[in-house]
Amino acid sequence: MEHPDVTKSVGIVGARGYVGAELIRLIAAHPDFELAFVSSRELVGQRVADHIAEYQGELRYTSPSHEELPALGADAVVLALPNGKAEACVAAFDTAGTDPVIVDLSADYRFDDGWYYGLPELTRAKYSGQRRISNPGCYATAMQLAVAPMVDALAGPVQCFGVSGYSGAGTSPSDKNDPEKLRDNLMPYALTNHVHEREVSRQLGHEVQFLPHVAPHFRGLTITANLPLSKAFAREEVVSRYVDRYAGEPLVEVGDEAPWVSAIAGRHHVELGGFTLTPDGRRLVVVATEDNLLKGAATQALQNLNLAFGLDEMAGIPR
């Protein structure tokens, strides 16, 4: 891949949250990107470096209005906002007639065919220069990678039991990120029609039923996927499908044992393993783990930014 002749500037809207902080760290260390602006209403005027040790510059948090965003001139803008908040920002760029690369981390455009759905390991062949990129959900990334190699051999709905650390619930206070309420607890929520359930079913073209829970740990999620199969498979046949599908993918690791969520925190890849078949070979269980803030959000956004600017997709992503 060619490196760009000039450094590309990236603005982050909604940078106070956990994912925004991870993005700042990644962009600060990227050889070809620099931060153009970092917006946060709560932190206005404060130095980014005082909050994010990995960032060395003098940039301060600002709080531009939607209408002011286009004039800031960033080559790319990452929207790290809660669901339902991206449209006003996108409309401001449309109205101003500016066309930066926009990566939206919320669910707002994941069902919009006008946007590229950026799960590179499964969708990079569909990337053809789109400047509007929808970043997949954290759970949705793990579920799709866990199911995709078998999608042509499924006999019915796939069930995915998911457990995430409470960072997945964001920074706005709620039961789902209250360490006291989570202590010694496992909290089920959104047990049907979760946005990631709809997202994955749409992307895979196959019904996936998702059962999410939040746990007392801070970061990292695990998915246990139950796949009914249309014919009997041997374990070696299943494992070779996964190994072949993800050969050469540095951010997907296929192992033998079921991965542990405690081992994925701070890592940039997804781990798949624990491939177990019923005695008749007609039902497969697969386990996937990922850091919900990294491959589930910030790392994937960086992959998509690299793709959009014609860089090595792994640029700036620690191995």
C-alpha atoms as a PDB file:
ATOM      1  CA  MET A   1       0.000   0.000   0.000  1.00  0.00           C
ATOM      2  CA  GLU A   2       1.128   3.550  -0.697  1.00  0.00           C
ATOM      3  CA  HIS A   3       1.511   5.952   2.184  1.00  0.00           C
ATOM      4  CA  PRO A   4      -0.251   9.280   1.615  1.00  0.00           C
ATOM      5  CA  ASP A   5       1.953  12.216   0.667  1.00  0.00           C
ATOM      6  CA  VAL A   6       0.607  14.228   3.574  1.00  0.00           C
ATOM      7  CA  THR A   7      -0.610  13.358   7.034  1.00  0.00           C
ATOM      8  CA  LYS A   8      -4.385  13.029   7.186  1.00  0.00           C
ATOM      9  CA  SER A   9      -6.280  14.833   9.919  1.00  0.00           C
ATOM     10  CA  VAL A  10      -8.968  13.018  11.924  1.00  0.00           C
ATOM     11  CA  GLY A  11     -11.585  14.642  14.136  1.00  0.00           C
ATOM     12  CA  ILE A  12     -13.447  12.782  16.864  1.00  0.00           C
ATOM     13  CA  VAL A  13     -16.956  13.809  17.894  1.00  0.00           C
ATOM     14  CA  GLY A  14     -17.955  12.480  21.306  1.00  0.00           C
ATOM     15  CA  ALA A  15     -14.520  11.716  22.678  1.00  0.00           C
ATOM     16  CA  ARG A  16     -15.259  11.549  26.408  1.00  0.00           C
ATOM     17  CA  GLY A  17     -16.359   7.907  26.315  1.00  0.00           C
ATOM     18  CA  TYR A  18     -14.205   4.811  26.609  1.00  0.00           C
ATOM     19  CA  VAL A  19     -14.088   4.227  22.844  1.00  0.00           C
ATOM     20  CA  GLY A  20     -13.175   7.853  22.154  1.00  0.00           C
ATOM     21  CA  ALA A  21     -10.219   7.522  24.520  1.00  0.00           C
ATOM     22  CA  GLU A  22      -9.023   4.373  22.731  1.00  0.00           C
ATOM     23  CA  LEU A  23      -9.338   6.137  19.384  1.00  0.00           C
ATOM     24  CA  ILE A  24      -7.245   9.053  20.611  1.00  0.00           C
ATOM     25  CA  ARG A  25      -4.522   6.608  21.695  1.00  0.00           C
ATOM     26  CA  LEU A  26      -4.556   4.799  18.354  1.00  0.00           C
ATOM     27  CA  ILE A  27      -4.554   7.947  16.207  1.00  0.00           C
ATOM     28  CA  ALA A  28      -1.836   9.555  18.352  1.00  0.00           C
ATOM     29  CA  ALA A  29       0.453   6.609  17.556  1.00  0.00           C
ATOM     30  CA  HIS A  30      -0.522   6.312  13.867  1.00  0.00           C
ATOM     31  CA  PRO A  31       2.252   7.109  11.349  1.00  0.00           C
ATOM     32  CA  ASP A  32      -0.073   8.872   8.879  1.00  0.00           C
ATOM     33  CA  PHE A  33      -2.855  10.406  10.973  1.00  0.00           C
ATOM     34  CA  GLU A  34      -3.032  13.374  13.322  1.00  0.00           C
ATOM     35  CA  LEU A  35      -5.872  14.629  15.483  1.00  0.00           C
ATOM     36  CA  ALA A  36      -7.672  17.633  14.000  1.00  0.00           C
ATOM     37  CA  PHE A  37     -10.112  18.149  16.873  1.00  0.00           C
ATOM     38  CA  VAL A  38     -11.549  16.216  19.786  1.00  0.00           C
ATOM     39  CA  SER A  39     -15.029  17.199  20.923  1.00  0.00           C
ATOM     40  CA  SER A  40     -16.517  16.648  24.362  1.00  0.00           C
ATOM     41  CA  ARG A  41     -18.990  18.932  26.096  1.00  0.00           C
ATOM     42  CA  GLU A  42     -17.926  17.740  29.548  1.00  0.00           C
ATOM     43  CA  LEU A  43     -14.197  18.312  28.986  1.00  0.00           C
ATOM     44  CA  VAL A  44     -14.236  21.599  27.027  1.00  0.00           C
ATOM     45  CA  GLY A  45     -11.030  23.587  27.383  1.00  0.00           C
ATOM     46  CA  GLN A  46      -9.063  20.815  29.055  1.00  0.00           C
ATOM     47  CA  ARG A  47      -5.894  19.457  27.480  1.00  0.00           C
ATOM     48  CA  VAL A  48      -6.323  16.083  25.815  1.00  0.00           C
ATOM     49  CA  ALA A  49      -2.865  15.119  27.096  1.00  0.00           C
ATOM     50  CA  ASP A  50      -4.059  15.558  30.687  1.00  0.00           C
ATOM     51  CA  HIS A  51      -6.616  12.791  30.125  1.00  0.00           C
ATOM     52  CA  ILE A  52      -4.836  10.554  27.611  1.00  0.00           C
ATOM     53  CA  ALA A  53      -1.190   9.998  28.549  1.00  0.00           C
ATOM     54  CA  GLU A  54      -0.346   8.515  25.140  1.00  0.00           C
ATOM     55  CA  TYR A  55      -1.204  11.803  23.409  1.00  0.00           C
ATOM     56  CA  GLN A  56       1.680  14.304  23.542  1.00  0.00           C
ATOM     57  CA  GLY A  57       0.257  17.351  21.734  1.00  0.00           C
ATOM     58  CA  GLU A  58      -1.317  20.603  22.894  1.00  0.00           C
ATOM     59  CA  LEU A  59      -4.820  19.936  21.536  1.00  0.00           C
ATOM     60  CA  ARG A  60      -7.702  20.795  23.859  1.00  0.00           C
ATOM     61  CA  TYR A  61     -11.205  19.384  23.965  1.00  0.00           C
ATOM     62  CA  THR A  62     -13.745  21.603  22.224  1.00  0.00           C
ATOM     63  CA  SER A  63     -17.506  21.499  21.779  1.00  0.00           C
ATOM     64  CA  PRO A  64     -18.358  22.698  18.275  1.00  0.00           C
ATOM     65  CA  SER A  65     -21.986  22.767  17.184  1.00  0.00           C
ATOM     66  CA  HIS A  66     -23.022  20.381  14.412  1.00  0.00           C
ATOM     67  CA  GLU A  67     -23.041  23.301  11.984  1.00  0.00           C
ATOM     68  CA  GLU A  68     -19.461  24.213  12.896  1.00  0.00           C
ATOM     69  CA  LEU A  69     -18.012  20.737  12.253  1.00  0.00           C
ATOM     70  CA  PRO A  70     -17.517  21.065   8.456  1.00  0.00           C
ATOM     71  CA  ALA A  71     -15.480  24.260   8.836  1.00  0.00           C
ATOM     72  CA  LEU A  72     -12.951  22.430  11.034  1.00  0.00           C
ATOM     73  CA  GLY A  73     -11.581  20.884   7.844  1.00  0.00           C
ATOM     74  CA  ALA A  74     -10.755  17.353   8.991  1.00  0.00           C
ATOM     75  CA  ASP A  75      -9.999  14.784   6.288  1.00  0.00           C
ATOM     76  CA  ALA A  76     -11.964  12.234   8.320  1.00  0.00           C
ATOM     77  CA  VAL A  77     -14.460  12.477  11.163  1.00  0.00           C
ATOM     78  CA  VAL A  78     -15.266   9.667  13.583  1.00  0.00           C
ATOM     79  CA  LEU A  79     -18.658   9.929  15.271  1.00  0.00           C
ATOM     80  CA  ALA A  80     -18.391   8.265  18.698  1.00  0.00           C
ATOM     81  CA  LEU A  81     -21.887   9.218  19.810  1.00  0.00           C
ATOM     82  CA  PRO A  82     -24.817   7.351  21.371  1.00  0.00           C
ATOM     83  CA  ASN A  83     -27.349   5.780  19.009  1.00  0.00           C
ATOM     84  CA  GLY A  84     -29.652   8.352  17.418  1.00  0.00           C
ATOM     85  CA  LYS A  85     -27.176  11.247  17.526  1.00  0.00           C
ATOM     86  CA  ALA A  86     -25.224  10.849  14.261  1.00  0.00           C
ATOM     87  CA  GLU A  87     -27.804  12.133  11.796  1.00  0.00           C
ATOM     88  CA  ALA A  88     -27.526  15.791  12.776  1.00  0.00           C
ATOM     89  CA  CYS A  89     -23.741  15.687  12.307  1.00  0.00           C
ATOM     90  CA  VAL A  90     -23.979  13.958   8.933  1.00  0.00           C
ATOM     91  CA  ALA A  91     -26.650  16.441   7.811  1.00  0.00           C
ATOM     92  CA  ALA A  92     -24.316  19.334   8.663  1.00  0.00           C
ATOM     93  CA  PHE A  93     -21.640  17.985   6.313  1.00  0.00           C
ATOM     94  CA  ASP A  94     -24.231  17.385   3.591  1.00  0.00           C
ATOM     95  CA  THR A  95     -25.591  20.915   3.962  1.00  0.00           C
ATOM     96  CA  ALA A  96     -22.100  22.419   3.853  1.00  0.00           C
ATOM     97  CA  GLY A  97     -21.213  20.392   0.764  1.00  0.00           C
ATOM     98  CA  THR A  98     -18.061  18.988   2.358  1.00  0.00           C
ATOM     99  CA  ASP A  99     -17.235  15.318   1.981  1.00  0.00           C
ATOM    100  CA  PRO A 100     -14.794  14.034   4.596  1.00  0.00           C
ATOM    101  CA  VAL A 101     -14.580  10.325   5.297  1.00  0.00           C
ATOM    102  CA  ILE A 102     -17.142   9.760   8.065  1.00  0.00           C
ATOM    103  CA  VAL A 103     -16.942   6.683  10.279  1.00  0.00           C
ATOM    104  CA  ASP A 104     -20.022   6.279  12.472  1.00  0.00           C
ATOM    105  CA  LEU A 105     -19.582   4.067  15.532  1.00  0.00           C
ATOM    106  CA  SER A 106     -23.280   4.025  16.433  1.00  0.00           C
ATOM    107  CA  ALA A 107     -25.989   1.804  14.965  1.00  0.00           C
ATOM    108  CA  ASP A 108     -27.552   4.701  13.056  1.00  0.00           C
ATOM    109  CA  TYR A 109     -26.331   3.748   9.564  1.00  0.00           C
ATOM    110  CA  ARG A 110     -25.751   0.005   9.876  1.00  0.00           C
ATOM    111  CA  PHE A 111     -29.008  -0.662   8.060  1.00  0.00           C
ATOM    112  CA  ASP A 112     -28.436   1.963   5.345  1.00  0.00           C
ATOM    113  CA  ASP A 113     -27.307   0.517   1.997  1.00  0.00           C
ATOM    114  CA  GLY A 114     -25.843   3.898   1.103  1.00  0.00           C
ATOM    115  CA  TRP A 115     -23.127   3.378   3.710  1.00  0.00           C
ATOM    116  CA  TYR A 116     -20.287   0.857   3.579  1.00  0.00           C
ATOM    117  CA  TYR A 117     -20.627  -1.618   6.461  1.00  0.00           C
ATOM    118  CA  GLY A 118     -17.045  -1.897   7.667  1.00  0.00           C
ATOM    119  CA  LEU A 119     -16.244  -5.341   9.037  1.00  0.00           C
ATOM    120  CA  PRO A 120     -13.131  -5.657   6.877  1.00  0.00           C
ATOM    121  CA  GLU A 121     -12.510  -9.388   7.338  1.00  0.00           C
ATOM    122  CA  LEU A 122     -15.948 -10.064   5.837  1.00  0.00           C
ATOM    123  CA  THR A 123     -16.793  -6.964   3.786  1.00  0.00           C
ATOM    124  CA  ARG A 124     -13.584  -5.362   2.459  1.00  0.00           C
ATOM    125  CA  ALA A 125     -14.347  -6.754  -1.030  1.00  0.00           C
ATOM    126  CA  LYS A 126     -17.429  -4.505  -1.014  1.00  0.00           C
ATOM    127  CA  TYR A 127     -15.368  -1.391  -0.309  1.00  0.00           C
ATOM    128  CA  SER A 128     -15.160   0.734  -3.445  1.00  0.00           C
ATOM    129  CA  GLY A 129     -14.193   4.155  -2.172  1.00  0.00           C
ATOM    130  CA  GLN A 130     -17.288   4.946  -0.088  1.00  0.00           C
ATOM    131  CA  ARG A 131     -16.686   7.931   2.203  1.00  0.00           C
ATOM    132  CA  ARG A 132     -19.510   7.044   4.580  1.00  0.00           C
ATOM    133  CA  ILE A 133     -18.594   4.039   6.716  1.00  0.00           C
ATOM    134  CA  SER A 134     -20.730   2.377   9.374  1.00  0.00           C
ATOM    135  CA  ASN A 135     -18.669   0.636  12.055  1.00  0.00           C
ATOM    136  CA  PRO A 136     -20.204  -2.671  13.206  1.00  0.00           C
ATOM    137  CA  GLY A 137     -21.428  -3.285  16.723  1.00  0.00           C
ATOM    138  CA  CYS A 138     -19.023  -4.918  19.179  1.00  0.00           C
ATOM    139  CA  TYR A 139     -21.104  -8.052  19.747  1.00  0.00           C
ATOM    140  CA  ALA A 140     -22.051  -8.057  16.052  1.00  0.00           C
ATOM    141  CA  THR A 141     -18.390  -8.277  15.043  1.00  0.00           C
ATOM    142  CA  ALA A 142     -17.744 -11.320  17.232  1.00  0.00           C
ATOM    143  CA  MET A 143     -20.984 -13.027  16.219  1.00  0.00           C
ATOM    144  CA  GLN A 144     -20.426 -12.599  12.485  1.00  0.00           C
ATOM    145  CA  LEU A 145     -16.847 -13.826  12.625  1.00  0.00           C
ATOM    146  CA  ALA A 146     -17.994 -16.830  14.675  1.00  0.00           C
ATOM    147  CA  VAL A 147     -20.787 -17.796  12.284  1.00  0.00           C
ATOM    148  CA  ALA A 148     -19.623 -16.721   8.795  1.00  0.00           C
ATOM    149  CA  PRO A 149     -17.490 -19.785   7.913  1.00  0.00           C
ATOM    150  CA  MET A 150     -20.531 -22.062   8.445  1.00  0.00           C
ATOM    151  CA  VAL A 151     -23.286 -19.847   7.046  1.00  0.00           C
ATOM    152  CA  ASP A 152     -23.830 -22.052   3.972  1.00  0.00           C
ATOM    153  CA  ALA A 153     -24.332 -25.128   6.178  1.00  0.00           C
ATOM    154  CA  LEU A 154     -26.881 -23.862   8.715  1.00  0.00           C
ATOM    155  CA  ALA A 155     -30.175 -25.649   9.295  1.00  0.00           C
ATOM    156  CA  GLY A 156     -32.005 -23.121  11.456  1.00  0.00           C
ATOM    157  CA  PRO A 157     -31.586 -20.030  13.597  1.00  0.00           C
ATOM    158  CA  VAL A 158     -28.228 -19.573  15.339  1.00  0.00           C
ATOM    159  CA  GLN A 159     -28.377 -18.783  19.058  1.00  0.00           C
ATOM    160  CA  CYS A 160     -25.652 -16.581  20.539  1.00  0.00           C
ATOM    161  CA  PHE A 161     -25.278 -16.214  24.306  1.00  0.00           C
ATOM    162  CA  GLY A 162     -23.249 -13.080  24.975  1.00  0.00           C
ATOM    163  CA  VAL A 163     -21.574 -11.595  28.043  1.00  0.00           C
ATOM    164  CA  SER A 164     -19.832  -8.213  27.993  1.00  0.00           C
ATOM    165  CA  GLY A 165     -17.877  -6.183  30.472  1.00  0.00           C
ATOM    166  CA  TYR A 166     -19.671  -3.089  31.703  1.00  0.00           C
ATOM    167  CA  SER A 167     -17.633  -0.681  29.566  1.00  0.00           C
ATOM    168  CA  GLY A 168     -19.999  -1.816  26.795  1.00  0.00           C
ATOM    169  CA  ALA A 169     -22.780   0.076  28.577  1.00  0.00           C
ATOM    170  CA  GLY A 170     -20.918   3.370  28.102  1.00  0.00           C
ATOM    171  CA  THR A 171     -20.243   6.145  30.611  1.00  0.00           C
ATOM    172  CA  SER A 172     -23.794   7.420  31.214  1.00  0.00           C
ATOM    173  CA  PRO A 173     -24.804   5.975  34.600  1.00  0.00           C
ATOM    174  CA  SER A 174     -27.189   3.000  34.524  1.00  0.00           C
ATOM    175  CA  ASP A 175     -27.706  -0.347  36.252  1.00  0.00           C
ATOM    176  CA  LYS A 176     -25.624  -1.955  33.477  1.00  0.00           C
ATOM    177  CA  ASN A 177     -22.448  -0.044  34.385  1.00  0.00           C
ATOM    178  CA  ASP A 178     -22.903   0.250  38.149  1.00  0.00           C
ATOM    179  CA  PRO A 179     -20.145  -1.905  39.705  1.00  0.00           C
ATOM    180  CA  GLU A 180     -22.132  -2.270  42.955  1.00  0.00           C
ATOM    181  CA  LYS A 181     -25.195  -3.681  41.198  1.00  0.00           C
ATOM    182  CA  LEU A 182     -23.009  -5.890  39.004  1.00  0.00           C
ATOM    183  CA  ARG A 183     -20.965  -7.341  41.864  1.00  0.00           C
ATOM    184  CA  ASP A 184     -21.401 -11.154  41.989  1.00  0.00           C
ATOM    185  CA  ASN A 185     -24.057 -10.693  39.306  1.00  0.00           C
ATOM    186  CA  LEU A 186     -24.822 -11.378  35.660  1.00  0.00           C
ATOM    187  CA  MET A 187     -27.398  -8.986  34.256  1.00  0.00           C
ATOM    188  CA  PRO A 188     -29.549 -10.042  31.266  1.00  0.00           C
ATOM    189  CA  TYR A 189     -31.001  -7.290  29.056  1.00  0.00           C
ATOM    190  CA  ALA A 190     -32.608  -6.691  25.614  1.00  0.00           C
ATOM    191  CA  LEU A 191     -33.336 -10.395  25.284  1.00  0.00           C
ATOM    192  CA  THR A 192     -35.111 -10.126  21.924  1.00  0.00           C
ATOM    193  CA  ASN A 193     -34.735  -7.693  19.046  1.00  0.00           C
ATOM    194  CA  HIS A 194     -31.393  -6.285  20.264  1.00  0.00           C
ATOM    195  CA  VAL A 195     -29.951  -4.008  17.557  1.00  0.00           C
ATOM    196  CA  HIS A 196     -26.961  -6.354  17.166  1.00  0.00           C
ATOM    197  CA  GLU A 197     -29.334  -9.303  16.646  1.00  0.00           C
ATOM    198  CA  ARG A 198     -30.974  -7.462  13.744  1.00  0.00           C
ATOM    199  CA  GLU A 199     -27.625  -6.262  12.442  1.00  0.00           C
ATOM    200  CA  VAL A 200     -26.056  -9.724  12.342  1.00  0.00           C
ATOM    201  CA  SER A 201     -29.134 -11.400  10.858  1.00  0.00           C
ATOM    202  CA  ARG A 202     -29.174  -8.774   8.105  1.00  0.00           C
ATOM    203  CA  GLN A 203     -25.467  -9.013   7.322  1.00  0.00           C
ATOM    204  CA  LEU A 204     -25.283 -12.821   7.322  1.00  0.00           C
ATOM    205  CA  GLY A 205     -28.625 -13.265   5.569  1.00  0.00           C
ATOM    206  CA  HIS A 206     -29.540 -15.805   8.238  1.00  0.00           C
ATOM    207  CA  GLU A 207     -31.526 -15.535  11.469  1.00  0.00           C
ATOM    208  CA  VAL A 208     -29.392 -15.096  14.559  1.00  0.00           C
ATOM    209  CA  GLN A 209     -30.986 -15.013  18.027  1.00  0.00           C
ATOM    210  CA  PHE A 210     -28.938 -13.055  20.547  1.00  0.00           C
ATOM    211  CA  LEU A 211     -29.090 -13.220  24.352  1.00  0.00           C
ATOM    212  CA  PRO A 212     -26.921 -10.436  25.833  1.00  0.00           C
ATOM    213  CA  HIS A 213     -25.745 -10.087  29.426  1.00  0.00           C
ATOM    214  CA  VAL A 214     -23.441  -7.693  31.246  1.00  0.00           C
ATOM    215  CA  ALA A 215     -20.937  -8.891  33.863  1.00  0.00           C
ATOM    216  CA  PRO A 216     -18.816  -7.263  36.607  1.00  0.00           C
ATOM    217  CA  HIS A 217     -15.586  -7.117  34.577  1.00  0.00           C
ATOM    218  CA  PHE A 218     -14.722  -3.858  32.801  1.00  0.00           C
ATOM    219  CA  ARG A 219     -13.768  -4.795  29.239  1.00  0.00           C
ATOM    220  CA  GLY A 220     -13.958  -7.777  26.923  1.00  0.00           C
ATOM    221  CA  LEU A 221     -16.894  -9.784  25.615  1.00  0.00           C
ATOM    222  CA  THR A 222     -17.524 -13.438  24.934  1.00  0.00           C
ATOM    223  CA  ILE A 223     -20.030 -15.091  22.618  1.00  0.00           C
ATOM    224  CA  THR A 224     -21.023 -18.762  22.766  1.00  0.00           C
ATOM    225  CA  ALA A 225     -22.680 -19.532  19.427  1.00  0.00           C
ATOM    226  CA  ASN A 226     -24.911 -22.566  18.894  1.00  0.00           C
ATOM    227  CA  LEU A 227     -25.114 -23.515  15.203  1.00  0.00           C
ATOM    228  CA  PRO A 228     -27.610 -26.148  13.935  1.00  0.00           C
ATOM    229  CA  LEU A 229     -26.098 -27.784  10.841  1.00  0.00           C
ATOM    230  CA  SER A 230     -27.752 -29.080   7.666  1.00  0.00           C
ATOM    231  CA  LYS A 231     -25.517 -32.177   7.543  1.00  0.00           C
ATOM    232  CA  ALA A 232     -23.111 -34.040   9.789  1.00  0.00           C
ATOM    233  CA  PHE A 233     -19.629 -32.537  10.097  1.00  0.00           C
ATOM    234  CA  ALA A 234     -16.392 -33.905  11.513  1.00  0.00           C
ATOM    235  CA  ARG A 235     -14.493 -31.567  13.837  1.00  0.00           C
ATOM    236  CA  GLU A 236     -11.455 -31.422  11.539  1.00  0.00           C
ATOM    237  CA  GLU A 237     -13.709 -30.318   8.681  1.00  0.00           C
ATOM    238  CA  VAL A 238     -15.184 -27.513  10.796  1.00  0.00           C
ATOM    239  CA  VAL A 239     -11.834 -26.275  12.099  1.00  0.00           C
ATOM    240  CA  SER A 240     -10.339 -26.245   8.602  1.00  0.00           C
ATOM    241  CA  ARG A 241     -13.216 -24.031   7.437  1.00  0.00           C
ATOM    242  CA  TYR A 242     -12.322 -21.445  10.084  1.00  0.00           C
ATOM    243  CA  VAL A 243      -8.568 -21.714   9.534  1.00  0.00           C
ATOM    244  CA  ASP A 244      -8.979 -21.328   5.772  1.00  0.00           C
ATOM    245  CA  ARG A 245     -11.505 -18.489   6.012  1.00  0.00           C
ATOM    246  CA  TYR A 246      -9.291 -16.393   8.293  1.00  0.00           C
ATOM    247  CA  ALA A 247      -5.864 -17.331   6.928  1.00  0.00           C
ATOM    248  CA  GLY A 248      -3.870 -14.131   6.570  1.00  0.00           C
ATOM    249  CA  GLU A 249      -6.218 -12.135   8.823  1.00  0.00           C
ATOM    250  CA  PRO A 250      -3.985 -10.687  11.553  1.00  0.00           C
ATOM    251  CA  LEU A 251      -6.957  -9.697  13.716  1.00  0.00           C
ATOM    252  CA  VAL A 252      -8.667 -13.094  13.782  1.00  0.00           C
ATOM    253  CA  GLU A 253      -6.986 -15.873  15.748  1.00  0.00           C
ATOM    254  CA  VAL A 254      -8.368 -19.409  15.434  1.00  0.00           C
ATOM    255  CA  GLY A 255      -7.404 -21.703  18.299  1.00  0.00           C
ATOM    256  CA  ASP A 256      -8.313 -25.123  19.590  1.00  0.00           C
ATOM    257  CA  GLU A 257      -9.468 -24.364  23.122  1.00  0.00           C
ATOM    258  CA  ALA A 258     -12.423 -22.129  23.958  1.00  0.00           C
ATOM    259  CA  PRO A 259     -10.908 -18.659  24.504  1.00  0.00           C
ATOM    260  CA  TRP A 260     -11.229 -16.880  27.842  1.00  0.00           C
ATOM    261  CA  VAL A 261     -12.517 -13.347  28.041  1.00  0.00           C
ATOM    262  CA  SER A 262      -9.900 -12.518  30.693  1.00  0.00           C
ATOM    263  CA  ALA A 263      -7.168 -12.988  28.065  1.00  0.00           C
ATOM    264  CA  ILE A 264      -8.599 -10.592  25.455  1.00  0.00           C
ATOM    265  CA  ALA A 265      -8.623  -7.283  27.375  1.00  0.00           C
ATOM    266  CA  GLY A 266      -6.369  -4.756  25.678  1.00  0.00           C
ATOM    267  CA  ARG A 267      -5.858  -6.973  22.607  1.00  0.00           C
ATOM    268  CA  HIS A 268      -6.819  -5.919  19.092  1.00  0.00           C
ATOM    269  CA  HIS A 269      -7.980  -9.231  17.618  1.00  0.00           C
ATOM    270  CA  VAL A 270     -10.890 -11.661  17.918  1.00  0.00           C
ATOM    271  CA  GLU A 271     -10.194 -15.161  19.226  1.00  0.00           C
ATOM    272  CA  LEU A 272     -12.275 -18.089  17.975  1.00  0.00           C
ATOM    273  CA  GLY A 273     -12.131 -21.593  19.396  1.00  0.00           C
ATOM    274  CA  GLY A 274     -13.744 -24.320  21.444  1.00  0.00           C
ATOM    275  CA  PHE A 275     -15.179 -25.983  18.328  1.00  0.00           C
ATOM    276  CA  THR A 276     -17.432 -28.696  19.735  1.00  0.00           C
ATOM    277  CA  LEU A 277     -19.896 -30.919  17.864  1.00  0.00           C
ATOM    278  CA  THR A 278     -22.712 -33.063  19.165  1.00  0.00           C
ATOM    279  CA  PRO A 279     -22.168 -36.824  18.731  1.00  0.00           C
ATOM    280  CA  ASP A 280     -24.237 -36.832  15.520  1.00  0.00           C
ATOM    281  CA  GLY A 281     -22.166 -33.950  14.076  1.00  0.00           C
ATOM    282  CA  ARG A 282     -25.274 -31.874  13.396  1.00  0.00           C
ATOM    283  CA  ARG A 283     -24.808 -29.114  15.976  1.00  0.00           C
ATOM    284  CA  LEU A 284     -21.706 -26.991  16.452  1.00  0.00           C
ATOM    285  CA  VAL A 285     -20.766 -24.717  19.347  1.00  0.00           C
ATOM    286  CA  VAL A 286     -18.147 -21.998  18.753  1.00  0.00           C
ATOM    287  CA  VAL A 287     -16.771 -19.471  21.254  1.00  0.00           C
ATOM    288  CA  ALA A 288     -15.549 -15.978  20.306  1.00  0.00           C
ATOM    289  CA  THR A 289     -13.915 -13.324  22.493  1.00  0.00           C
ATOM    290  CA  GLU A 290     -12.905  -9.742  21.727  1.00  0.00           C
ATOM    291  CA  ASP A 291     -12.144  -6.486  23.483  1.00  0.00           C
ATOM    292  CA  ASN A 292     -15.393  -4.581  22.960  1.00  0.00           C
ATOM    293  CA  LEU A 293     -13.580  -1.205  23.004  1.00  0.00           C
ATOM    294  CA  LEU A 294     -10.901  -2.214  20.475  1.00  0.00           C
ATOM    295  CA  LYS A 295     -11.774  -4.704  17.709  1.00  0.00           C
ATOM    296  CA  GLY A 296     -15.353  -4.129  18.830  1.00  0.00           C
ATOM    297  CA  ALA A 297     -15.061  -0.397  18.127  1.00  0.00           C
ATOM    298  CA  ALA A 298     -11.846   1.715  17.983  1.00  0.00           C
ATOM    299  CA  THR A 299      -9.465  -0.757  16.295  1.00  0.00           C
ATOM    300  CA  GLN A 300     -12.081  -1.563  13.679  1.00  0.00           C
ATOM    301  CA  ALA A 301     -12.649   2.157  13.073  1.00  0.00           C
ATOM    302  CA  LEU A 302      -8.903   2.495  12.458  1.00  0.00           C
ATOM    303  CA  GLN A 303      -8.986  -0.427  10.008  1.00  0.00           C
ATOM    304  CA  ASN A 304     -11.772   1.378   8.168  1.00  0.00           C
ATOM    305  CA  LEU A 305      -9.913   4.702   8.142  1.00  0.00           C
ATOM    306  CA  ASN A 306      -6.811   2.971   6.790  1.00  0.00           C
ATOM    307  CA  LEU A 307      -8.916   1.318   4.087  1.00  0.00           C
ATOM    308  CA  ALA A 308     -10.541   4.630   3.139  1.00  0.00           C
ATOM    309  CA  PHE A 309      -7.165   6.367   2.674  1.00  0.00           C
ATOM    310  CA  GLY A 310      -5.507   3.493   0.812  1.00  0.00           C
ATOM    311  CA  LEU A 311      -3.147   2.625   3.651  1.00  0.00           C
ATOM    312  CA  ASP A 312      -2.088  -0.756   4.931  1.00  0.00           C
ATOM    313  CA  GLU A 313      -5.174  -1.830   6.878  1.00  0.00           C
ATOM    314  CA  MET A 314      -3.012  -2.682   9.882  1.00  0.00           C
ATOM    315  CA  ALA A 315      -1.200   0.679  10.010  1.00  0.00           C
ATOM    316  CA  GLY A 316      -1.150   2.009  13.570  1.00  0.00           C
ATOM    317  CA  ILE A 317      -2.620  -1.187  15.035  1.00  0.00           C
ATOM    318  CA  PRO A 318      -0.257  -2.853  17.546  1.00  0.00           C
ATOM    319  CA  ARG A 319       0.397  -6.504  16.715  1.00  0.00           C
END
